[in-house]
PDB file of all heavy atoms in Angstrom:
ATOM      1  N   ASP A   1     105.160 130.492  85.000  1.00  0.00           N
ATOM      2  CA  ASP A   1     106.218 129.644  85.548  1.00  0.00           C
ATOM      3  C   ASP A   1     105.700 128.395  86.291  1.00  0.00           C
ATOM      4  O   ASP A   1     106.084 128.067  87.364  1.00  0.00           O
ATOM      5  CB  ASP A   1     107.121 130.471  86.519  1.00  0.00           C
ATOM      6  CG  ASP A   1     107.902 131.538  85.799  1.00  0.00           C
ATOM      7  OD1 ASP A   1     108.199 131.366  84.620  1.00  0.00           O
ATOM      8  OD2 ASP A   1     108.102 132.601  86.442  1.00  0.00           O
ATOM      9  N   ILE A   2     104.749 127.733  85.639  1.00  0.00           N
ATOM     10  CA  ILE A   2     104.238 126.477  86.128  1.00  0.00           C
ATOM     11  C   ILE A   2     104.308 125.452  85.026  1.00  0.00           C
ATOM     12  O   ILE A   2     103.890 125.715  83.875  1.00  0.00           O
ATOM     13  CB  ILE A   2     102.717 126.608  86.631  1.00  0.00           C
ATOM     14  CG1 ILE A   2     102.628 127.586  87.794  1.00  0.00           C
ATOM     15  CG2 ILE A   2     102.177 125.262  86.993  1.00  0.00           C
ATOM     16  CD1 ILE A   2     101.188 127.833  88.220  1.00  0.00           C
ATOM     17  N   VAL A   3     104.838 124.253  85.372  1.00  0.00           N
ATOM     18  CA  VAL A   3     104.812 123.126  84.436  1.00  0.00           C
ATOM     19  C   VAL A   3     103.586 122.251  84.784  1.00  0.00           C
ATOM     20  O   VAL A   3     103.369 121.903  85.925  1.00  0.00           O
ATOM     21  CB  VAL A   3     106.098 122.290  84.588  1.00  0.00           C
ATOM     22  CG1 VAL A   3     106.070 121.047  83.687  1.00  0.00           C
ATOM     23  CG2 VAL A   3     107.265 123.154  84.221  1.00  0.00           C
ATOM     24  N   ARG A   4     102.787 121.924  83.752  1.00  0.00           N
ATOM     25  CA  ARG A   4     101.661 121.058  83.952  1.00  0.00           C
ATOM     26  C   ARG A   4     101.744 119.831  83.121  1.00  0.00           C
ATOM     27  O   ARG A   4     102.362 119.845  82.047  1.00  0.00           O
ATOM     28  CB  ARG A   4     100.349 121.832  83.592  1.00  0.00           C
ATOM     29  CG  ARG A   4      99.945 122.916  84.538  1.00  0.00           C
ATOM     30  CD  ARG A   4      98.605 123.531  84.034  1.00  0.00           C
ATOM     31  NE  ARG A   4      98.068 124.434  85.050  1.00  0.00           N
ATOM     32  CZ  ARG A   4      98.355 125.721  85.115  1.00  0.00           C
ATOM     33  NH1 ARG A   4      99.251 126.238  84.303  1.00  0.00           N
ATOM     34  NH2 ARG A   4      97.807 126.474  86.032  1.00  0.00           N
ATOM     35  N   ALA A   5     101.161 118.745  83.591  1.00  0.00           N
ATOM     36  CA  ALA A   5     100.973 117.538  82.781  1.00  0.00           C
ATOM     37  C   ALA A   5      99.525 117.184  82.725  1.00  0.00           C
ATOM     38  O   ALA A   5      98.842 117.242  83.784  1.00  0.00           O
ATOM     39  CB  ALA A   5     101.841 116.409  83.344  1.00  0.00           C
ATOM     40  N   LYS A   6      99.053 116.785  81.564  1.00  0.00           N
ATOM     41  CA  LYS A   6      97.699 116.287  81.388  1.00  0.00           C
ATOM     42  C   LYS A   6      97.752 114.908  80.804  1.00  0.00           C
ATOM     43  O   LYS A   6      98.594 114.557  80.008  1.00  0.00           O
ATOM     44  CB  LYS A   6      96.879 117.197  80.429  1.00  0.00           C
ATOM     45  CG  LYS A   6      96.616 118.601  80.970  1.00  0.00           C
ATOM     46  CD  LYS A   6      95.498 119.255  80.166  1.00  0.00           C
ATOM     47  CE  LYS A   6      95.830 119.399  78.669  1.00  0.00           C
ATOM     48  NZ  LYS A   6      94.783 120.130  77.966  1.00  0.00           N
ATOM     49  N   ALA A   7      96.762 114.093  81.194  1.00  0.00           N
ATOM     50  CA  ALA A   7      96.582 112.746  80.607  1.00  0.00           C
ATOM     51  C   ALA A   7      95.141 112.598  80.286  1.00  0.00           C
ATOM     52  O   ALA A   7      94.261 112.721  81.180  1.00  0.00           O
ATOM     53  CB  ALA A   7      97.070 111.671  81.545  1.00  0.00           C
ATOM     54  N   GLY A   8      94.823 112.402  79.027  1.00  0.00           N
ATOM     55  CA  GLY A   8      93.427 112.231  78.611  1.00  0.00           C
ATOM     56  C   GLY A   8      92.584 113.498  78.927  1.00  0.00           C
ATOM     57  O   GLY A   8      91.396 113.359  79.204  1.00  0.00           O
ATOM     58  N   GLY A   9      93.187 114.702  78.889  1.00  0.00           N
ATOM     59  CA  GLY A   9      92.487 115.897  79.164  1.00  0.00           C
ATOM     60  C   GLY A   9      92.379 116.300  80.626  1.00  0.00           C
ATOM     61  O   GLY A   9      91.865 117.368  80.933  1.00  0.00           O
ATOM     62  N   GLN A  10      92.856 115.473  81.494  1.00  0.00           N
ATOM     63  CA  GLN A  10      92.811 115.677  82.957  1.00  0.00           C
ATOM     64  C   GLN A  10      94.120 116.164  83.481  1.00  0.00           C
ATOM     65  O   GLN A  10      95.136 115.530  83.237  1.00  0.00           O
ATOM     66  CB  GLN A  10      92.404 114.415  83.693  1.00  0.00           C
ATOM     67  CG  GLN A  10      92.500 114.447  85.210  1.00  0.00           C
ATOM     68  CD  GLN A  10      91.501 115.363  85.815  1.00  0.00           C
ATOM     69  OE1 GLN A  10      90.297 115.181  85.611  1.00  0.00           O
ATOM     70  NE2 GLN A  10      92.011 116.360  86.561  1.00  0.00           N
ATOM     71  N   ASP A  11      94.152 117.297  84.172  1.00  0.00           N
ATOM     72  CA  ASP A  11      95.371 117.733  84.823  1.00  0.00           C
ATOM     73  C   ASP A  11      95.811 116.723  85.884  1.00  0.00           C
ATOM     74  O   ASP A  11      95.029 116.342  86.722  1.00  0.00           O
ATOM     75  CB  ASP A  11      95.169 119.143  85.517  1.00  0.00           C
ATOM     76  CG  ASP A  11      95.198 120.266  84.532  1.00  0.00           C
ATOM     77  OD1 ASP A  11      95.428 120.046  83.334  1.00  0.00           O
ATOM     78  OD2 ASP A  11      94.963 121.419  84.954  1.00  0.00           O
ATOM     79  N   VAL A  12      97.076 116.261  85.816  1.00  0.00           N
ATOM     80  CA  VAL A  12      97.509 115.254  86.758  1.00  0.00           C
ATOM     81  C   VAL A  12      98.760 115.706  87.558  1.00  0.00           C
ATOM     82  O   VAL A  12      99.088 115.087  88.558  1.00  0.00           O
ATOM     83  CB  VAL A  12      97.840 113.933  86.053  1.00  0.00           C
ATOM     84  CG1 VAL A  12      96.574 113.311  85.442  1.00  0.00           C
ATOM     85  CG2 VAL A  12      98.876 114.110  84.986  1.00  0.00           C
ATOM     86  N   PHE A  13      99.398 116.754  87.081  1.00  0.00           N
ATOM     87  CA  PHE A  13     100.666 117.154  87.740  1.00  0.00           C
ATOM     88  C   PHE A  13     100.852 118.647  87.577  1.00  0.00           C
ATOM     89  O   PHE A  13     100.690 119.222  86.497  1.00  0.00           O
ATOM     90  CB  PHE A  13     101.871 116.422  87.126  1.00  0.00           C
ATOM     91  CG  PHE A  13     103.205 116.955  87.593  1.00  0.00           C
ATOM     92  CD1 PHE A  13     103.785 116.396  88.734  1.00  0.00           C
ATOM     93  CD2 PHE A  13     103.933 117.906  86.893  1.00  0.00           C
ATOM     94  CE1 PHE A  13     105.052 116.853  89.162  1.00  0.00           C
ATOM     95  CE2 PHE A  13     105.138 118.353  87.297  1.00  0.00           C
ATOM     96  CZ  PHE A  13     105.699 117.849  88.429  1.00  0.00           C
ATOM     97  N   TYR A  14     101.289 119.344  88.665  1.00  0.00           N
ATOM     98  CA  TYR A  14     101.717 120.741  88.626  1.00  0.00           C
ATOM     99  C   TYR A  14     103.093 120.824  89.231  1.00  0.00           C
ATOM    100  O   TYR A  14     103.356 120.208  90.265  1.00  0.00           O
ATOM    101  CB  TYR A  14     100.810 121.661  89.435  1.00  0.00           C
ATOM    102  CG  TYR A  14      99.381 121.776  89.001  1.00  0.00           C
ATOM    103  CD1 TYR A  14      98.382 122.215  89.834  1.00  0.00           C
ATOM    104  CD2 TYR A  14      99.005 121.463  87.668  1.00  0.00           C
ATOM    105  CE1 TYR A  14      97.073 122.313  89.459  1.00  0.00           C
ATOM    106  CE2 TYR A  14      97.705 121.619  87.246  1.00  0.00           C
ATOM    107  CZ  TYR A  14      96.727 122.033  88.143  1.00  0.00           C
ATOM    108  OH  TYR A  14      95.416 122.118  87.736  1.00  0.00           O
ATOM    109  N   GLY A  15     104.000 121.535  88.571  1.00  0.00           N
ATOM    110  CA  GLY A  15     105.315 121.804  89.108  1.00  0.00           C
ATOM    111  C   GLY A  15     105.504 123.291  89.210  1.00  0.00           C
ATOM    112  O   GLY A  15     105.367 124.011  88.249  1.00  0.00           O
ATOM    113  N   TYR A  16     105.822 123.789  90.408  1.00  0.00           N
ATOM    114  CA  TYR A  16     105.904 125.232  90.677  1.00  0.00           C
ATOM    115  C   TYR A  16     107.387 125.698  90.715  1.00  0.00           C
ATOM    116  O   TYR A  16     108.299 124.901  90.946  1.00  0.00           O
ATOM    117  CB  TYR A  16     105.182 125.555  91.992  1.00  0.00           C
ATOM    118  CG  TYR A  16     103.749 125.217  91.989  1.00  0.00           C
ATOM    119  CD1 TYR A  16     103.347 123.959  92.532  1.00  0.00           C
ATOM    120  CD2 TYR A  16     102.774 126.007  91.450  1.00  0.00           C
ATOM    121  CE1 TYR A  16     101.991 123.604  92.562  1.00  0.00           C
ATOM    122  CE2 TYR A  16     101.428 125.673  91.419  1.00  0.00           C
ATOM    123  CZ  TYR A  16     101.050 124.438  92.000  1.00  0.00           C
ATOM    124  OH  TYR A  16      99.702 124.094  91.992  1.00  0.00           O
ATOM    125  N   ASN A  17     107.556 127.015  90.538  1.00  0.00           N
ATOM    126  CA  ASN A  17     108.915 127.562  90.501  1.00  0.00           C
ATOM    127  C   ASN A  17     109.634 127.637  91.835  1.00  0.00           C
ATOM    128  O   ASN A  17     110.798 127.964  91.874  1.00  0.00           O
ATOM    129  CB  ASN A  17     108.911 128.938  89.823  1.00  0.00           C
ATOM    130  CG  ASN A  17     108.104 129.980  90.621  1.00  0.00           C
ATOM    131  OD1 ASN A  17     107.575 129.664  91.686  1.00  0.00           O
ATOM    132  ND2 ASN A  17     108.020 131.156  90.103  1.00  0.00           N
ATOM    133  N   ASP A  18     108.940 127.231  92.913  1.00  0.00           N
ATOM    134  CA  ASP A  18     109.621 127.126  94.204  1.00  0.00           C
ATOM    135  C   ASP A  18     110.051 125.706  94.501  1.00  0.00           C
ATOM    136  O   ASP A  18     110.560 125.402  95.597  1.00  0.00           O
ATOM    137  CB  ASP A  18     108.712 127.645  95.337  1.00  0.00           C
ATOM    138  CG  ASP A  18     107.366 127.004  95.386  1.00  0.00           C
ATOM    139  OD1 ASP A  18     107.171 125.989  94.641  1.00  0.00           O
ATOM    140  OD2 ASP A  18     106.490 127.437  96.107  1.00  0.00           O
ATOM    141  N   GLY A  19     109.913 124.802  93.536  1.00  0.00           N
ATOM    142  CA  GLY A  19     110.340 123.386  93.683  1.00  0.00           C
ATOM    143  C   GLY A  19     109.254 122.504  94.249  1.00  0.00           C
ATOM    144  O   GLY A  19     109.454 121.283  94.307  1.00  0.00           O
ATOM    145  N   ILE A  20     108.090 123.041  94.621  1.00  0.00           N
ATOM    146  CA  ILE A  20     106.998 122.223  95.102  1.00  0.00           C
ATOM    147  C   ILE A  20     106.249 121.624  93.912  1.00  0.00           C
ATOM    148  O   ILE A  20     106.049 122.316  92.879  1.00  0.00           O
ATOM    149  CB  ILE A  20     106.072 123.056  95.952  1.00  0.00           C
ATOM    150  CG1 ILE A  20     106.756 123.576  97.249  1.00  0.00           C
ATOM    151  CG2 ILE A  20     104.803 122.256  96.354  1.00  0.00           C
ATOM    152  CD1 ILE A  20     105.945 124.503  98.069  1.00  0.00           C
ATOM    153  N   PHE A  21     105.869 120.385  93.998  1.00  0.00           N
ATOM    154  CA  PHE A  21     105.004 119.792  92.986  1.00  0.00           C
ATOM    155  C   PHE A  21     103.765 119.191  93.559  1.00  0.00           C
ATOM    156  O   PHE A  21     103.699 118.880  94.734  1.00  0.00           O
ATOM    157  CB  PHE A  21     105.800 118.743  92.153  1.00  0.00           C
ATOM    158  CG  PHE A  21     106.173 117.468  92.912  1.00  0.00           C
ATOM    159  CD1 PHE A  21     105.288 116.412  92.959  1.00  0.00           C
ATOM    160  CD2 PHE A  21     107.372 117.394  93.539  1.00  0.00           C
ATOM    161  CE1 PHE A  21     105.613 115.264  93.650  1.00  0.00           C
ATOM    162  CE2 PHE A  21     107.743 116.218  94.233  1.00  0.00           C
ATOM    163  CZ  PHE A  21     106.829 115.154  94.282  1.00  0.00           C
ATOM    164  N   GLU A  22     102.740 119.035  92.775  1.00  0.00           N
ATOM    165  CA  GLU A  22     101.439 118.601  93.181  1.00  0.00           C
ATOM    166  C   GLU A  22     100.926 117.547  92.250  1.00  0.00           C
ATOM    167  O   GLU A  22     100.865 117.741  91.037  1.00  0.00           O
ATOM    168  CB  GLU A  22     100.480 119.787  93.202  1.00  0.00           C
ATOM    169  CG  GLU A  22      99.096 119.470  93.604  1.00  0.00           C
ATOM    170  CD  GLU A  22      98.157 120.706  93.588  1.00  0.00           C
ATOM    171  OE1 GLU A  22      98.672 121.824  93.351  1.00  0.00           O
ATOM    172  OE2 GLU A  22      96.955 120.527  93.794  1.00  0.00           O
ATOM    173  N   LEU A  23     100.565 116.346  92.792  1.00  0.00           N
ATOM    174  CA  LEU A  23      99.891 115.299  92.021  1.00  0.00           C
ATOM    175  C   LEU A  23      98.422 115.525  92.175  1.00  0.00           C
ATOM    176  O   LEU A  23      97.831 115.202  93.235  1.00  0.00           O
ATOM    177  CB  LEU A  23     100.311 113.954  92.519  1.00  0.00           C
ATOM    178  CG  LEU A  23     101.854 113.627  92.405  1.00  0.00           C
ATOM    179  CD1 LEU A  23     102.165 112.292  93.012  1.00  0.00           C
ATOM    180  CD2 LEU A  23     102.274 113.675  90.968  1.00  0.00           C
ATOM    181  N   VAL A  24      97.797 116.123  91.209  1.00  0.00           N
ATOM    182  CA  VAL A  24      96.464 116.706  91.363  1.00  0.00           C
ATOM    183  C   VAL A  24      95.402 115.659  91.770  1.00  0.00           C
ATOM    184  O   VAL A  24      94.509 115.942  92.539  1.00  0.00           O
ATOM    185  CB  VAL A  24      96.072 117.443  90.099  1.00  0.00           C
ATOM    186  CG1 VAL A  24      94.736 118.156  90.227  1.00  0.00           C
ATOM    187  CG2 VAL A  24      97.128 118.433  89.691  1.00  0.00           C
ATOM    188  N   LYS A  25      95.474 114.479  91.172  1.00  0.00           N
ATOM    189  CA  LYS A  25      94.456 113.506  91.406  1.00  0.00           C
ATOM    190  C   LYS A  25      95.054 112.249  92.099  1.00  0.00           C
ATOM    191  O   LYS A  25      94.489 111.124  91.922  1.00  0.00           O
ATOM    192  CB  LYS A  25      93.812 113.090  90.093  1.00  0.00           C
ATOM    193  CG  LYS A  25      93.073 114.263  89.409  1.00  0.00           C
ATOM    194  CD  LYS A  25      91.826 114.656  90.133  1.00  0.00           C
ATOM    195  CE  LYS A  25      90.752 113.638  89.958  1.00  0.00           C
ATOM    196  NZ  LYS A  25      89.449 114.024  90.595  1.00  0.00           N
ATOM    197  N   GLN A  26      96.128 112.379  92.849  1.00  0.00           N
ATOM    198  CA  GLN A  26      96.678 111.213  93.527  1.00  0.00           C
ATOM    199  C   GLN A  26      95.685 110.538  94.457  1.00  0.00           C
ATOM    200  O   GLN A  26      94.959 111.239  95.198  1.00  0.00           O
ATOM    201  CB  GLN A  26      97.944 111.656  94.305  1.00  0.00           C
ATOM    202  CG  GLN A  26      98.682 110.542  95.022  1.00  0.00           C
ATOM    203  CD  GLN A  26      99.256 109.484  94.102  1.00  0.00           C
ATOM    204  OE1 GLN A  26      98.555 108.882  93.314  1.00  0.00           O
ATOM    205  NE2 GLN A  26     100.566 109.303  94.153  1.00  0.00           N
ATOM    206  N   SER A  27      95.679 109.271  94.433  1.00  0.00           N
ATOM    207  CA  SER A  27      94.785 108.474  95.253  1.00  0.00           C
ATOM    208  C   SER A  27      94.951 108.766  96.766  1.00  0.00           C
ATOM    209  O   SER A  27      96.085 108.796  97.237  1.00  0.00           O
ATOM    210  CB  SER A  27      95.013 107.013  94.988  1.00  0.00           C
ATOM    211  OG  SER A  27      94.250 106.194  95.819  1.00  0.00           O
ATOM    212  N   GLY A  28      93.866 108.960  97.459  1.00  0.00           N
ATOM    213  CA  GLY A  28      93.925 109.166  98.884  1.00  0.00           C
ATOM    214  C   GLY A  28      92.590 109.536  99.501  1.00  0.00           C
ATOM    215  O   GLY A  28      91.731 110.032  98.773  1.00  0.00           O
ATOM    216  N   ALA A  29      92.421 109.184 100.790  1.00  0.00           N
ATOM    217  CA  ALA A  29      91.121 109.490 101.476  1.00  0.00           C
ATOM    218  C   ALA A  29      91.352 109.557 102.979  1.00  0.00           C
ATOM    219  O   ALA A  29      92.288 108.959 103.513  1.00  0.00           O
ATOM    220  CB  ALA A  29      90.088 108.389 101.138  1.00  0.00           C
ATOM    221  N   SER A  30      90.489 110.341 103.617  1.00  0.00           N
ATOM    222  CA  SER A  30      90.416 110.391 105.040  1.00  0.00           C
ATOM    223  C   SER A  30      89.012 109.894 105.474  1.00  0.00           C
ATOM    224  O   SER A  30      88.001 110.535 105.229  1.00  0.00           O
ATOM    225  CB  SER A  30      90.657 111.794 105.578  1.00  0.00           C
ATOM    226  OG  SER A  30      90.427 111.928 106.982  1.00  0.00           O
ATOM    227  N   MET A  31      88.990 108.702 106.085  1.00  0.00           N
ATOM    228  CA  MET A  31      87.732 108.068 106.446  1.00  0.00           C
ATOM    229  C   MET A  31      87.326 108.388 107.850  1.00  0.00           C
ATOM    230  O   MET A  31      88.162 108.547 108.798  1.00  0.00           O
ATOM    231  CB  MET A  31      87.865 106.568 106.295  1.00  0.00           C
ATOM    232  CG  MET A  31      88.338 106.144 104.898  1.00  0.00           C
ATOM    233  SD  MET A  31      88.966 104.428 104.783  1.00  0.00           S
ATOM    234  CE  MET A  31      87.456 103.526 105.173  1.00  0.00           C
ATOM    235  N   LYS A  32      86.034 108.529 108.077  1.00  0.00           N
ATOM    236  CA  LYS A  32      85.510 108.829 109.475  1.00  0.00           C
ATOM    237  C   LYS A  32      84.232 108.069 109.687  1.00  0.00           C
ATOM    238  O   LYS A  32      83.621 107.455 108.776  1.00  0.00           O
ATOM    239  CB  LYS A  32      85.352 110.313 109.631  1.00  0.00           C
ATOM    240  CG  LYS A  32      84.254 110.961 108.749  1.00  0.00           C
ATOM    241  CD  LYS A  32      84.136 112.418 108.978  1.00  0.00           C
ATOM    242  CE  LYS A  32      83.100 113.068 108.141  1.00  0.00           C
ATOM    243  NZ  LYS A  32      82.949 114.541 108.385  1.00  0.00           N
ATOM    244  N   MET A  33      83.762 108.098 110.916  1.00  0.00           N
ATOM    245  CA  MET A  33      82.486 107.501 111.313  1.00  0.00           C
ATOM    246  C   MET A  33      81.455 108.531 111.596  1.00  0.00           C
ATOM    247  O   MET A  33      81.772 109.580 112.189  1.00  0.00           O
ATOM    248  CB  MET A  33      82.719 106.593 112.561  1.00  0.00           C
ATOM    249  CG  MET A  33      83.795 105.523 112.418  1.00  0.00           C
ATOM    250  SD  MET A  33      83.849 104.372 113.774  1.00  0.00           S
ATOM    251  CE  MET A  33      83.969 105.440 115.200  1.00  0.00           C
ATOM    252  N   SER A  34      80.228 108.291 111.183  1.00  0.00           N
ATOM    253  CA  SER A  34      79.145 109.282 111.413  1.00  0.00           C
ATOM    254  C   SER A  34      78.634 109.261 112.833  1.00  0.00           C
ATOM    255  O   SER A  34      77.879 110.197 113.231  1.00  0.00           O
ATOM    256  CB  SER A  34      78.019 109.004 110.414  1.00  0.00           C
ATOM    257  OG  SER A  34      77.462 107.721 110.607  1.00  0.00           O
ATOM    258  N   ALA A  35      78.920 108.242 113.605  1.00  0.00           N
ATOM    259  CA  ALA A  35      78.455 108.147 115.001  1.00  0.00           C
ATOM    260  C   ALA A  35      79.426 107.312 115.809  1.00  0.00           C
ATOM    261  O   ALA A  35      80.242 106.575 115.238  1.00  0.00           O
ATOM    262  CB  ALA A  35      77.069 107.556 115.028  1.00  0.00           C
ATOM    263  N   ASN A  36      79.369 107.421 117.122  1.00  0.00           N
ATOM    264  CA  ASN A  36      80.133 106.542 117.982  1.00  0.00           C
ATOM    265  C   ASN A  36      79.768 105.088 117.666  1.00  0.00           C
ATOM    266  O   ASN A  36      78.655 104.780 117.290  1.00  0.00           O
ATOM    267  CB  ASN A  36      79.880 106.832 119.451  1.00  0.00           C
ATOM    268  CG  ASN A  36      80.430 108.213 119.860  1.00  0.00           C
ATOM    269  OD1 ASN A  36      81.173 108.825 119.143  1.00  0.00           O
ATOM    270  ND2 ASN A  36      80.032 108.668 121.048  1.00  0.00           N
ATOM    271  N   GLN A  37      80.739 104.164 117.915  1.00  0.00           N
ATOM    272  CA  GLN A  37      80.485 102.773 117.650  1.00  0.00           C
ATOM    273  C   GLN A  37      80.794 101.968 118.909  1.00  0.00           C
ATOM    274  O   GLN A  37      81.858 102.091 119.500  1.00  0.00           O
ATOM    275  CB  GLN A  37      81.323 102.241 116.504  1.00  0.00           C
ATOM    276  CG  GLN A  37      81.092 100.795 116.160  1.00  0.00           C
ATOM    277  CD  GLN A  37      81.877 100.361 114.969  1.00  0.00           C
ATOM    278  OE1 GLN A  37      82.657 101.104 114.344  1.00  0.00           O
ATOM    279  NE2 GLN A  37      81.802  99.083 114.631  1.00  0.00           N
ATOM    280  N   THR A  38      79.868 101.108 119.303  1.00  0.00           N
ATOM    281  CA  THR A  38      80.092 100.243 120.476  1.00  0.00           C
ATOM    282  C   THR A  38      80.922  99.036 120.105  1.00  0.00           C
ATOM    283  O   THR A  38      80.666  98.331 119.131  1.00  0.00           O
ATOM    284  CB  THR A  38      78.718  99.753 120.999  1.00  0.00           C
ATOM    285  OG1 THR A  38      77.939 100.894 121.442  1.00  0.00           O
ATOM    286  CG2 THR A  38      78.935  98.833 122.189  1.00  0.00           C
ATOM    287  N   ILE A  39      81.991  98.862 120.903  1.00  0.00           N
ATOM    288  CA  ILE A  39      82.853  97.655 120.750  1.00  0.00           C
ATOM    289  C   ILE A  39      82.605  96.763 121.996  1.00  0.00           C
ATOM    290  O   ILE A  39      82.872  97.153 123.125  1.00  0.00           O
ATOM    291  CB  ILE A  39      84.329  98.052 120.653  1.00  0.00           C
ATOM    292  CG1 ILE A  39      84.545  99.117 119.610  1.00  0.00           C
ATOM    293  CG2 ILE A  39      85.195  96.814 120.418  1.00  0.00           C
ATOM    294  CD1 ILE A  39      84.192  98.710 118.217  1.00  0.00           C
ATOM    295  N   GLN A  40      82.092  95.574 121.769  1.00  0.00           N
ATOM    296  CA  GLN A  40      81.818  94.691 122.863  1.00  0.00           C
ATOM    297  C   GLN A  40      83.105  94.160 123.492  1.00  0.00           C
ATOM    298  O   GLN A  40      84.175  94.097 122.810  1.00  0.00           O
ATOM    299  CB  GLN A  40      80.943  93.468 122.403  1.00  0.00           C
ATOM    300  CG  GLN A  40      79.593  93.883 121.934  1.00  0.00           C
ATOM    301  CD  GLN A  40      78.762  92.697 121.457  1.00  0.00           C
ATOM    302  OE1 GLN A  40      79.240  91.552 121.408  1.00  0.00           O
ATOM    303  NE2 GLN A  40      77.501  92.959 121.106  1.00  0.00           N
ATOM    304  N   ASN A  41      83.076  93.772 124.733  1.00  0.00           N
ATOM    305  CA  ASN A  41      84.203  93.223 125.427  1.00  0.00           C
ATOM    306  C   ASN A  41      84.679  91.922 124.747  1.00  0.00           C
ATOM    307  O   ASN A  41      83.877  91.022 124.481  1.00  0.00           O
ATOM    308  CB  ASN A  41      83.809  92.946 126.902  1.00  0.00           C
ATOM    309  CG  ASN A  41      84.989  92.496 127.713  1.00  0.00           C
ATOM    310  OD1 ASN A  41      85.995  93.178 127.808  1.00  0.00           O
ATOM    311  ND2 ASN A  41      84.883  91.365 128.367  1.00  0.00           N
ATOM    312  N   THR A  42      85.981  91.885 124.438  1.00  0.00           N
ATOM    313  CA  THR A  42      86.669  90.734 123.856  1.00  0.00           C
ATOM    314  C   THR A  42      86.089  90.269 122.510  1.00  0.00           C
ATOM    315  O   THR A  42      86.116  89.119 122.152  1.00  0.00           O
ATOM    316  CB  THR A  42      86.729  89.495 124.808  1.00  0.00           C
ATOM    317  OG1 THR A  42      85.416  89.013 125.000  1.00  0.00           O
ATOM    318  CG2 THR A  42      87.315  89.923 126.164  1.00  0.00           C
ATOM    319  N   VAL A  43      85.541  91.210 121.733  1.00  0.00           N
ATOM    320  CA  VAL A  43      85.035  90.848 120.400  1.00  0.00           C
ATOM    321  C   VAL A  43      85.681  91.764 119.352  1.00  0.00           C
ATOM    322  O   VAL A  43      85.517  93.016 119.395  1.00  0.00           O
ATOM    323  CB  VAL A  43      83.477  91.062 120.351  1.00  0.00           C
ATOM    324  CG1 VAL A  43      82.966  90.786 118.943  1.00  0.00           C
ATOM    325  CG2 VAL A  43      82.807  90.147 121.361  1.00  0.00           C
ATOM    326  N   TRP A  44      86.388  91.163 118.387  1.00  0.00           N
ATOM    327  CA  TRP A  44      86.954  91.955 117.294  1.00  0.00           C
ATOM    328  C   TRP A  44      85.819  92.501 116.464  1.00  0.00           C
ATOM    329  O   TRP A  44      84.878  91.787 116.060  1.00  0.00           O
ATOM    330  CB  TRP A  44      87.828  91.100 116.417  1.00  0.00           C
ATOM    331  CG  TRP A  44      89.260  90.943 116.957  1.00  0.00           C
ATOM    332  CD1 TRP A  44      89.796  89.843 117.497  1.00  0.00           C
ATOM    333  CD2 TRP A  44      90.285  91.976 116.911  1.00  0.00           C
ATOM    334  NE1 TRP A  44      91.109  90.044 117.839  1.00  0.00           N
ATOM    335  CE2 TRP A  44      91.442  91.352 117.496  1.00  0.00           C
ATOM    336  CE3 TRP A  44      90.318  93.267 116.510  1.00  0.00           C
ATOM    337  CZ2 TRP A  44      92.615  92.076 117.654  1.00  0.00           C
ATOM    338  CZ3 TRP A  44      91.506  93.967 116.665  1.00  0.00           C
ATOM    339  CH2 TRP A  44      92.642  93.371 117.225  1.00  0.00           C
TER     340      TRP A  44
END
């Protein structure tokens, strides 16, 4: 009971029987810094 879509052999969409759907490769990222960064006074 899952609907899938593929494009060029890549799974791109899942639709589940509870109404939830998943865009498997949708663009997105969570960016972070590896260390604290000093911001000088009045300097962008």
